[in-house]
């Protein structure tokens, strides 16, 4: 049932965003189409099985997006300054970071979040280790790199998917 509800809500949200309208006929059409597609497809996948739908997880999802947006802005400014000022150090390298996340979807979202923030790129994921290409490596050990790159996202994803 959770797969059906989440699939329906995502499809309806996409419909509303694509139509850019909340008129009754557009909304009713979207509800019907989203219900039909969700009913036909919710048993086909297990994408949302690990997703928790509780008030706490919803609040943590909102907080996760806020933290992600802040990190996105900060890293964009950092990379822009490095490009515009050649005196700023650029010491690219690959670092290993560890995560405590067990859910494969939480690890996937973590890897994508790291990749979407400029200056970092997830190169490989092996069990609980992520190998990240980082724009400015300062001989970081695994724990220190994990704290700088992973921890800010991990605490929210652990509650949402834990």
C-alpha atoms as a PDB file:
ATOM      1  CA  UNK A   1       0.000   0.000   0.000  1.00  0.00           C
ATOM      2  CA  UNK A   2       2.889   2.365   0.798  1.00  0.00           C
ATOM      3  CA  UNK A   3       4.313   1.856  -2.715  1.00  0.00           C
ATOM      4  CA  UNK A   4       0.916   2.720  -4.196  1.00  0.00           C
ATOM      5  CA  UNK A   5       0.487   5.901  -2.133  1.00  0.00           C
ATOM      6  CA  UNK A   6       4.014   7.191  -2.718  1.00  0.00           C
ATOM      7  CA  UNK A   7       3.854   6.357  -6.442  1.00  0.00           C
ATOM      8  CA  UNK A   8       0.492   8.132  -6.715  1.00  0.00           C
ATOM      9  CA  UNK A   9       1.748  11.233  -4.900  1.00  0.00           C
ATOM     10  CA  UNK A  10       4.898  11.457  -7.024  1.00  0.00           C
ATOM     11  CA  UNK A  11       2.964  11.010 -10.273  1.00  0.00           C
ATOM     12  CA  UNK A  12       0.369  13.580  -9.240  1.00  0.00           C
ATOM     13  CA  UNK A  13       3.098  16.047  -8.224  1.00  0.00           C
ATOM     14  CA  UNK A  14       4.819  15.634 -11.582  1.00  0.00           C
ATOM     15  CA  UNK A  15       1.489  16.108 -13.359  1.00  0.00           C
ATOM     16  CA  UNK A  16       0.799  19.342 -11.471  1.00  0.00           C
ATOM     17  CA  UNK A  17       4.328  20.647 -12.094  1.00  0.00           C
ATOM     18  CA  UNK A  18       4.180  19.846 -15.807  1.00  0.00           C
ATOM     19  CA  UNK A  19       0.743  21.406 -16.279  1.00  0.00           C
ATOM     20  CA  UNK A  20       1.446  24.379 -14.018  1.00  0.00           C
ATOM     21  CA  UNK A  21      -2.232  24.575 -13.154  1.00  0.00           C
ATOM     22  CA  UNK A  22      -4.564  23.745 -10.284  1.00  0.00           C
ATOM     23  CA  UNK A  23      -7.753  24.120 -12.296  1.00  0.00           C
ATOM     24  CA  UNK A  24     -10.357  21.518 -11.412  1.00  0.00           C
ATOM     25  CA  UNK A  25     -10.383  19.710 -14.770  1.00  0.00           C
ATOM     26  CA  UNK A  26      -6.571  19.529 -14.913  1.00  0.00           C
ATOM     27  CA  UNK A  27      -6.378  18.324 -11.318  1.00  0.00           C
ATOM     28  CA  UNK A  28      -9.119  15.704 -11.765  1.00  0.00           C
ATOM     29  CA  UNK A  29      -7.474  14.417 -14.941  1.00  0.00           C
ATOM     30  CA  UNK A  30      -4.138  14.221 -13.125  1.00  0.00           C
ATOM     31  CA  UNK A  31      -5.677  12.344 -10.202  1.00  0.00           C
ATOM     32  CA  UNK A  32      -7.291   9.811 -12.522  1.00  0.00           C
ATOM     33  CA  UNK A  33      -4.110   9.263 -14.551  1.00  0.00           C
ATOM     34  CA  UNK A  34      -1.936   9.057 -11.419  1.00  0.00           C
ATOM     35  CA  UNK A  35      -4.350   6.562  -9.817  1.00  0.00           C
ATOM     36  CA  UNK A  36      -4.383   4.379 -12.920  1.00  0.00           C
ATOM     37  CA  UNK A  37      -0.604   4.411 -13.357  1.00  0.00           C
ATOM     38  CA  UNK A  38       0.003   3.812  -9.656  1.00  0.00           C
ATOM     39  CA  UNK A  39      -2.491   0.917  -9.637  1.00  0.00           C
ATOM     40  CA  UNK A  40      -0.830  -0.659 -12.677  1.00  0.00           C
ATOM     41  CA  UNK A  41       2.751  -0.240 -11.485  1.00  0.00           C
ATOM     42  CA  UNK A  42       3.032  -0.208  -7.706  1.00  0.00           C
ATOM     43  CA  UNK A  43       3.600  -3.995  -7.500  1.00  0.00           C
ATOM     44  CA  UNK A  44       6.255  -3.855 -10.219  1.00  0.00           C
ATOM     45  CA  UNK A  45       8.900  -2.264  -8.029  1.00  0.00           C
ATOM     46  CA  UNK A  46      10.039  -2.107  -4.431  1.00  0.00           C
ATOM     47  CA  UNK A  47      11.550   1.359  -4.614  1.00  0.00           C
ATOM     48  CA  UNK A  48       9.790   2.752  -1.580  1.00  0.00           C
ATOM     49  CA  UNK A  49       9.862  -0.301   0.705  1.00  0.00           C
ATOM     50  CA  UNK A  50      12.675   1.107   2.842  1.00  0.00           C
ATOM     51  CA  UNK A  51      11.142   4.583   3.008  1.00  0.00           C
ATOM     52  CA  UNK A  52       9.639   5.455   6.367  1.00  0.00           C
ATOM     53  CA  UNK A  53       6.526   7.588   6.298  1.00  0.00           C
ATOM     54  CA  UNK A  54       6.260   9.047   9.777  1.00  0.00           C
ATOM     55  CA  UNK A  55       6.006  12.658  10.960  1.00  0.00           C
ATOM     56  CA  UNK A  56       9.644  12.456  12.101  1.00  0.00           C
ATOM     57  CA  UNK A  57      10.871  11.157   8.723  1.00  0.00           C
ATOM     58  CA  UNK A  58       8.878  13.829   6.869  1.00  0.00           C
ATOM     59  CA  UNK A  59      10.430  16.523   9.066  1.00  0.00           C
ATOM     60  CA  UNK A  60      13.896  15.027   8.515  1.00  0.00           C
ATOM     61  CA  UNK A  61      13.284  14.949   4.755  1.00  0.00           C
ATOM     62  CA  UNK A  62      12.545  18.674   4.804  1.00  0.00           C
ATOM     63  CA  UNK A  63      15.629  19.301   6.962  1.00  0.00           C
ATOM     64  CA  UNK A  64      17.699  17.138   4.597  1.00  0.00           C
ATOM     65  CA  UNK A  65      16.697  19.298   1.622  1.00  0.00           C
ATOM     66  CA  UNK A  66      17.551  22.458   3.573  1.00  0.00           C
ATOM     67  CA  UNK A  67      20.985  21.087   4.535  1.00  0.00           C
ATOM     68  CA  UNK A  68      21.574  19.877   0.965  1.00  0.00           C
ATOM     69  CA  UNK A  69      20.663  23.292  -0.457  1.00  0.00           C
ATOM     70  CA  UNK A  70      22.995  25.070   2.003  1.00  0.00           C
ATOM     71  CA  UNK A  71      25.857  22.692   1.153  1.00  0.00           C
ATOM     72  CA  UNK A  72      25.129  23.139  -2.547  1.00  0.00           C
ATOM     73  CA  UNK A  73      25.376  26.924  -2.279  1.00  0.00           C
ATOM     74  CA  UNK A  74      28.531  26.770  -0.123  1.00  0.00           C
ATOM     75  CA  UNK A  75      30.295  24.369  -2.480  1.00  0.00           C
ATOM     76  CA  UNK A  76      29.281  26.406  -5.544  1.00  0.00           C
ATOM     77  CA  UNK A  77      30.800  29.512  -3.969  1.00  0.00           C
ATOM     78  CA  UNK A  78      33.952  27.568  -3.036  1.00  0.00           C
ATOM     79  CA  UNK A  79      34.457  26.186  -6.554  1.00  0.00           C
ATOM     80  CA  UNK A  80      33.690  29.576  -8.132  1.00  0.00           C
ATOM     81  CA  UNK A  81      36.304  31.250  -5.932  1.00  0.00           C
ATOM     82  CA  UNK A  82      38.854  28.574  -6.854  1.00  0.00           C
ATOM     83  CA  UNK A  83      38.181  29.116 -10.557  1.00  0.00           C
ATOM     84  CA  UNK A  84      38.288  32.910 -10.396  1.00  0.00           C
ATOM     85  CA  UNK A  85      41.298  33.134  -8.074  1.00  0.00           C
ATOM     86  CA  UNK A  86      44.204  30.979  -9.219  1.00  0.00           C
ATOM     87  CA  UNK A  87      45.968  31.535  -5.874  1.00  0.00           C
ATOM     88  CA  UNK A  88      43.472  29.362  -4.005  1.00  0.00           C
ATOM     89  CA  UNK A  89      44.781  25.807  -3.629  1.00  0.00           C
ATOM     90  CA  UNK A  90      43.500  22.973  -5.707  1.00  0.00           C
ATOM     91  CA  UNK A  91      44.799  19.600  -4.531  1.00  0.00           C
ATOM     92  CA  UNK A  92      42.514  17.096  -6.247  1.00  0.00           C
ATOM     93  CA  UNK A  93      42.539  13.514  -5.106  1.00  0.00           C
ATOM     94  CA  UNK A  94      40.441  10.530  -4.197  1.00  0.00           C
ATOM     95  CA  UNK A  95      39.560   9.966  -0.556  1.00  0.00           C
ATOM     96  CA  UNK A  96      37.787   7.091   1.119  1.00  0.00           C
ATOM     97  CA  UNK A  97      34.903   7.895   3.423  1.00  0.00           C
ATOM     98  CA  UNK A  98      32.838   5.521   5.539  1.00  0.00           C
ATOM     99  CA  UNK A  99      29.100   5.554   6.102  1.00  0.00           C
ATOM    100  CA  UNK A 100      26.961   3.885   8.710  1.00  0.00           C
ATOM    101  CA  UNK A 101      23.920   3.788   6.413  1.00  0.00           C
ATOM    102  CA  UNK A 102      22.632   0.254   5.785  1.00  0.00           C
ATOM    103  CA  UNK A 103      19.816   0.976   3.346  1.00  0.00           C
ATOM    104  CA  UNK A 104      20.850   0.746  -0.294  1.00  0.00           C
ATOM    105  CA  UNK A 105      18.542   3.638  -1.176  1.00  0.00           C
ATOM    106  CA  UNK A 106      19.978   5.828   1.562  1.00  0.00           C
ATOM    107  CA  UNK A 107      23.495   5.078   0.281  1.00  0.00           C
ATOM    108  CA  UNK A 108      22.372   5.841  -3.283  1.00  0.00           C
ATOM    109  CA  UNK A 109      20.910   9.199  -2.231  1.00  0.00           C
ATOM    110  CA  UNK A 110      24.067   9.948  -0.227  1.00  0.00           C
ATOM    111  CA  UNK A 111      26.278   9.157  -3.242  1.00  0.00           C
ATOM    112  CA  UNK A 112      24.138  11.347  -5.494  1.00  0.00           C
ATOM    113  CA  UNK A 113      24.101  14.181  -2.952  1.00  0.00           C
ATOM    114  CA  UNK A 114      27.886  14.089  -2.774  1.00  0.00           C
ATOM    115  CA  UNK A 115      28.140  14.092  -6.567  1.00  0.00           C
ATOM    116  CA  UNK A 116      25.660  16.956  -6.964  1.00  0.00           C
ATOM    117  CA  UNK A 117      27.668  19.269  -4.720  1.00  0.00           C
ATOM    118  CA  UNK A 118      30.466  20.861  -6.776  1.00  0.00           C
ATOM    119  CA  UNK A 119      33.994  19.894  -5.819  1.00  0.00           C
ATOM    120  CA  UNK A 120      33.116  16.291  -5.005  1.00  0.00           C
ATOM    121  CA  UNK A 121      32.285  13.300  -7.156  1.00  0.00           C
ATOM    122  CA  UNK A 122      31.398   9.807  -5.997  1.00  0.00           C
ATOM    123  CA  UNK A 123      33.651   7.491  -7.982  1.00  0.00           C
ATOM    124  CA  UNK A 124      32.838   4.131  -6.418  1.00  0.00           C
ATOM    125  CA  UNK A 125      30.819   2.608  -3.608  1.00  0.00           C
ATOM    126  CA  UNK A 126      32.027  -0.605  -1.989  1.00  0.00           C
ATOM    127  CA  UNK A 127      29.946  -1.798   0.968  1.00  0.00           C
ATOM    128  CA  UNK A 128      30.190   1.019   3.529  1.00  0.00           C
ATOM    129  CA  UNK A 129      33.095   2.798   1.781  1.00  0.00           C
ATOM    130  CA  UNK A 130      32.654   5.604  -0.712  1.00  0.00           C
ATOM    131  CA  UNK A 131      35.550   6.718  -2.865  1.00  0.00           C
ATOM    132  CA  UNK A 132      35.171  10.427  -3.532  1.00  0.00           C
ATOM    133  CA  UNK A 133      37.123  12.626  -5.926  1.00  0.00           C
ATOM    134  CA  UNK A 134      37.620  15.813  -3.935  1.00  0.00           C
ATOM    135  CA  UNK A 135      38.850  19.174  -5.229  1.00  0.00           C
ATOM    136  CA  UNK A 136      41.038  19.952  -2.216  1.00  0.00           C
ATOM    137  CA  UNK A 137      42.447  16.969  -0.337  1.00  0.00           C
ATOM    138  CA  UNK A 138      44.620  17.910   2.613  1.00  0.00           C
ATOM    139  CA  UNK A 139      45.979  14.461   3.568  1.00  0.00           C
ATOM    140  CA  UNK A 140      42.678  13.633   5.222  1.00  0.00           C
ATOM    141  CA  UNK A 141      42.265  10.389   7.081  1.00  0.00           C
ATOM    142  CA  UNK A 142      39.085   8.371   6.574  1.00  0.00           C
ATOM    143  CA  UNK A 143      37.357   9.642   9.718  1.00  0.00           C
ATOM    144  CA  UNK A 144      38.154  13.298   9.066  1.00  0.00           C
ATOM    145  CA  UNK A 145      37.064  13.096   5.410  1.00  0.00           C
ATOM    146  CA  UNK A 146      33.890  11.265   6.461  1.00  0.00           C
ATOM    147  CA  UNK A 147      33.074  14.023   8.923  1.00  0.00           C
ATOM    148  CA  UNK A 148      33.579  16.738   6.297  1.00  0.00           C
ATOM    149  CA  UNK A 149      31.754  15.071   3.407  1.00  0.00           C
ATOM    150  CA  UNK A 150      29.278  12.485   4.706  1.00  0.00           C
ATOM    151  CA  UNK A 151      28.110  13.321   8.235  1.00  0.00           C
ATOM    152  CA  UNK A 152      26.011  16.352   7.321  1.00  0.00           C
ATOM    153  CA  UNK A 153      23.773  14.218   5.074  1.00  0.00           C
ATOM    154  CA  UNK A 154      24.009  10.888   6.866  1.00  0.00           C
ATOM    155  CA  UNK A 155      22.166  11.795  10.049  1.00  0.00           C
ATOM    156  CA  UNK A 156      19.046  12.759   8.105  1.00  0.00           C
ATOM    157  CA  UNK A 157      19.124   9.830   5.684  1.00  0.00           C
ATOM    158  CA  UNK A 158      19.516   7.409   8.582  1.00  0.00           C
ATOM    159  CA  UNK A 159      16.198   8.580  10.048  1.00  0.00           C
ATOM    160  CA  UNK A 160      14.405   8.662   6.679  1.00  0.00           C
ATOM    161  CA  UNK A 161      15.574   5.209   5.525  1.00  0.00           C
ATOM    162  CA  UNK A 162      17.046   3.683   8.713  1.00  0.00           C
END
